[in-house]
C-alpha atoms as a PDB file:
ATOM      1  CA  UNK A   1      -0.561  12.371 -15.822  1.00  0.00           C
ATOM      2  CA  UNK A   2       2.950  12.717 -14.394  1.00  0.00           C
ATOM      3  CA  UNK A   3       4.665  10.210 -12.078  1.00  0.00           C
ATOM      4  CA  UNK A   4       3.680  11.940  -8.808  1.00  0.00           C
ATOM      5  CA  UNK A   5       0.064  12.465  -9.893  1.00  0.00           C
ATOM      6  CA  UNK A   6      -0.137   8.832 -10.964  1.00  0.00           C
ATOM      7  CA  UNK A   7       1.069   7.618  -7.554  1.00  0.00           C
ATOM      8  CA  UNK A   8      -1.262   9.941  -5.674  1.00  0.00           C
ATOM      9  CA  UNK A   9      -4.237   8.820  -7.783  1.00  0.00           C
ATOM     10  CA  UNK A  10      -3.348   5.184  -7.116  1.00  0.00           C
ATOM     11  CA  UNK A  11      -3.208   5.781  -3.365  1.00  0.00           C
ATOM     12  CA  UNK A  12      -6.566   7.589  -3.468  1.00  0.00           C
ATOM     13  CA  UNK A  13      -8.189   4.685  -5.339  1.00  0.00           C
ATOM     14  CA  UNK A  14      -6.691   2.198  -2.880  1.00  0.00           C
ATOM     15  CA  UNK A  15      -7.943   4.198   0.101  1.00  0.00           C
ATOM     16  CA  UNK A  16     -11.418   4.197  -1.435  1.00  0.00           C
ATOM     17  CA  UNK A  17     -11.234   0.437  -2.115  1.00  0.00           C
ATOM     18  CA  UNK A  18     -10.354  -0.385   1.484  1.00  0.00           C
ATOM     19  CA  UNK A  19     -12.959   1.990   2.903  1.00  0.00           C
ATOM     20  CA  UNK A  20     -15.607   0.321   0.717  1.00  0.00           C
ATOM     21  CA  UNK A  21     -14.478  -3.011   2.219  1.00  0.00           C
ATOM     22  CA  UNK A  22     -15.102  -1.649   5.729  1.00  0.00           C
ATOM     23  CA  UNK A  23     -11.568  -0.689   6.722  1.00  0.00           C
ATOM     24  CA  UNK A  24     -10.690   2.396   8.715  1.00  0.00           C
ATOM     25  CA  UNK A  25      -7.752   4.323   7.286  1.00  0.00           C
ATOM     26  CA  UNK A  26      -5.409   5.183  10.166  1.00  0.00           C
ATOM     27  CA  UNK A  27      -2.502   6.728   8.311  1.00  0.00           C
ATOM     28  CA  UNK A  28      -1.106   7.516   4.890  1.00  0.00           C
ATOM     29  CA  UNK A  29       2.483   7.977   3.782  1.00  0.00           C
ATOM     30  CA  UNK A  30       3.933   6.995   7.159  1.00  0.00           C
ATOM     31  CA  UNK A  31       7.709   7.442   7.148  1.00  0.00           C
ATOM     32  CA  UNK A  32      10.473   5.997   9.267  1.00  0.00           C
ATOM     33  CA  UNK A  33      13.974   6.993   8.197  1.00  0.00           C
ATOM     34  CA  UNK A  34      14.113   6.187   4.452  1.00  0.00           C
ATOM     35  CA  UNK A  35      11.232   3.733   4.642  1.00  0.00           C
ATOM     36  CA  UNK A  36       7.580   4.421   3.904  1.00  0.00           C
ATOM     37  CA  UNK A  37       4.204   2.749   4.213  1.00  0.00           C
ATOM     38  CA  UNK A  38       1.657   4.077   1.745  1.00  0.00           C
ATOM     39  CA  UNK A  39      -1.483   3.277   3.746  1.00  0.00           C
ATOM     40  CA  UNK A  40      -2.211   1.844   7.196  1.00  0.00           C
ATOM     41  CA  UNK A  41      -5.722   0.448   7.603  1.00  0.00           C
ATOM     42  CA  UNK A  42      -7.618  -1.386  10.340  1.00  0.00           C
ATOM     43  CA  UNK A  43     -10.588  -3.751  10.123  1.00  0.00           C
ATOM     44  CA  UNK A  44     -11.258  -4.368  13.844  1.00  0.00           C
ATOM     45  CA  UNK A  45      -9.248  -7.603  13.632  1.00  0.00           C
ATOM     46  CA  UNK A  46      -5.842  -6.576  12.350  1.00  0.00           C
ATOM     47  CA  UNK A  47      -3.710  -3.754  11.042  1.00  0.00           C
ATOM     48  CA  UNK A  48      -3.010  -3.809   7.337  1.00  0.00           C
ATOM     49  CA  UNK A  49       0.099  -2.172   5.916  1.00  0.00           C
ATOM     50  CA  UNK A  50      -0.600  -1.456   2.261  1.00  0.00           C
ATOM     51  CA  UNK A  51       1.934  -0.855  -0.485  1.00  0.00           C
ATOM     52  CA  UNK A  52       0.451   0.711  -3.622  1.00  0.00           C
ATOM     53  CA  UNK A  53       2.200   0.346  -6.965  1.00  0.00           C
ATOM     54  CA  UNK A  54       0.769   2.353  -9.843  1.00  0.00           C
ATOM     55  CA  UNK A  55       1.930   2.341 -13.438  1.00  0.00           C
ATOM     56  CA  UNK A  56       0.795   3.688 -16.783  1.00  0.00           C
ATOM     57  CA  UNK A  57      -0.046   1.263 -19.561  1.00  0.00           C
ATOM     58  CA  UNK A  58       3.179   2.155 -21.388  1.00  0.00           C
ATOM     59  CA  UNK A  59       5.334   0.407 -18.810  1.00  0.00           C
ATOM     60  CA  UNK A  60       6.236  -3.231 -19.337  1.00  0.00           C
ATOM     61  CA  UNK A  61       6.560  -4.547 -15.766  1.00  0.00           C
ATOM     62  CA  UNK A  62       3.588  -5.496 -13.620  1.00  0.00           C
ATOM     63  CA  UNK A  63       3.431  -3.009 -10.732  1.00  0.00           C
ATOM     64  CA  UNK A  64       3.360  -5.700  -8.031  1.00  0.00           C
ATOM     65  CA  UNK A  65       6.701  -7.067  -9.292  1.00  0.00           C
ATOM     66  CA  UNK A  66       8.376  -3.940  -7.917  1.00  0.00           C
ATOM     67  CA  UNK A  67       7.656  -5.140  -4.368  1.00  0.00           C
ATOM     68  CA  UNK A  68      10.680  -7.414  -4.212  1.00  0.00           C
ATOM     69  CA  UNK A  69      12.361  -8.858  -1.094  1.00  0.00           C
ATOM     70  CA  UNK A  70      14.376  -5.665  -0.491  1.00  0.00           C
ATOM     71  CA  UNK A  71      11.250  -3.482  -0.730  1.00  0.00           C
ATOM     72  CA  UNK A  72       9.403  -5.873   1.588  1.00  0.00           C
ATOM     73  CA  UNK A  73      12.251  -5.592   4.098  1.00  0.00           C
ATOM     74  CA  UNK A  74      12.008  -1.778   4.077  1.00  0.00           C
ATOM     75  CA  UNK A  75       8.226  -1.884   4.496  1.00  0.00           C
ATOM     76  CA  UNK A  76       8.582  -4.289   7.422  1.00  0.00           C
ATOM     77  CA  UNK A  77      11.085  -1.947   9.106  1.00  0.00           C
ATOM     78  CA  UNK A  78       8.631   0.937   8.772  1.00  0.00           C
ATOM     79  CA  UNK A  79       5.809  -1.284  10.072  1.00  0.00           C
ATOM     80  CA  UNK A  80       7.828  -2.249  13.154  1.00  0.00           C
ATOM     81  CA  UNK A  81       8.442   1.440  13.830  1.00  0.00           C
ATOM     82  CA  UNK A  82       4.731   2.219  13.364  1.00  0.00           C
ATOM     83  CA  UNK A  83       3.691  -0.532  15.784  1.00  0.00           C
ATOM     84  CA  UNK A  84       6.219   0.641  18.367  1.00  0.00           C
ATOM     85  CA  UNK A  85       5.366   4.339  17.978  1.00  0.00           C
ATOM     86  CA  UNK A  86       1.623   3.707  18.277  1.00  0.00           C
ATOM     87  CA  UNK A  87       2.105   1.193  21.133  1.00  0.00           C
ATOM     88  CA  UNK A  88       0.436  -1.526  19.089  1.00  0.00           C
ATOM     89  CA  UNK A  89       3.199  -4.153  19.103  1.00  0.00           C
ATOM     90  CA  UNK A  90       0.786  -6.965  20.012  1.00  0.00           C
ATOM     91  CA  UNK A  91      -1.773  -6.128  17.329  1.00  0.00           C
ATOM     92  CA  UNK A  92      -2.055  -8.739  14.558  1.00  0.00           C
ATOM     93  CA  UNK A  93      -1.034  -7.359  11.185  1.00  0.00           C
ATOM     94  CA  UNK A  94      -0.538  -8.255   7.563  1.00  0.00           C
ATOM     95  CA  UNK A  95       0.960  -6.729   4.435  1.00  0.00           C
ATOM     96  CA  UNK A  96      -1.106  -6.165   1.298  1.00  0.00           C
ATOM     97  CA  UNK A  97       0.006  -4.974  -2.124  1.00  0.00           C
ATOM     98  CA  UNK A  98      -2.306  -3.142  -4.500  1.00  0.00           C
ATOM     99  CA  UNK A  99      -1.355  -2.984  -8.163  1.00  0.00           C
ATOM    100  CA  UNK A 100      -2.933  -0.400 -10.459  1.00  0.00           C
ATOM    101  CA  UNK A 101      -2.387   0.021 -14.183  1.00  0.00           C
ATOM    102  CA  UNK A 102      -3.883   3.108 -15.811  1.00  0.00           C
ATOM    103  CA  UNK A 103      -4.884   2.732 -19.409  1.00  0.00           C
ATOM    104  CA  UNK A 104      -6.238   6.309 -19.573  1.00  0.00           C
ATOM    105  CA  UNK A 105      -6.797   8.967 -16.893  1.00  0.00           C
ATOM    106  CA  UNK A 106     -10.097   7.317 -15.914  1.00  0.00           C
ATOM    107  CA  UNK A 107      -9.719   3.709 -17.113  1.00  0.00           C
ATOM    108  CA  UNK A 108      -7.635   1.437 -14.911  1.00  0.00           C
ATOM    109  CA  UNK A 109      -7.137  -2.113 -13.698  1.00  0.00           C
ATOM    110  CA  UNK A 110      -6.719  -2.722  -9.962  1.00  0.00           C
ATOM    111  CA  UNK A 111      -5.526  -5.917  -8.257  1.00  0.00           C
ATOM    112  CA  UNK A 112      -5.458  -6.477  -4.521  1.00  0.00           C
ATOM    113  CA  UNK A 113      -2.932  -8.974  -3.120  1.00  0.00           C
ATOM    114  CA  UNK A 114      -4.016  -9.768   0.443  1.00  0.00           C
ATOM    115  CA  UNK A 115      -1.291 -10.962   2.851  1.00  0.00           C
ATOM    116  CA  UNK A 116       1.193 -10.586   0.002  1.00  0.00           C
ATOM    117  CA  UNK A 117       4.370 -11.078   2.040  1.00  0.00           C
ATOM    118  CA  UNK A 118       3.477 -14.563   3.214  1.00  0.00           C
END
């Protein structure tokens, strides 16, 4: 599986995970300037901006470690734009990170970090 396929598969699995938890997926791959939010979900209480990090088992760094302070800053900028564009500035929101490590094409480990930026 190449890099783009791996990322797409990770986002699909994350979408499925959140839908199974009762979330409504509002948007995917939302872009503002050079910033992107992988998934925007809603659970009738708050908006959730989700960053998905997917890696193959050959890589040595945990996927969630790639969401450093600079990456968080860029995600927050995109989230502010999303809230403004959708006229949802007063809606409560949080930022989750989902980490996926593929061991094979079908075998993977998934971790969900709820409210990860706090």
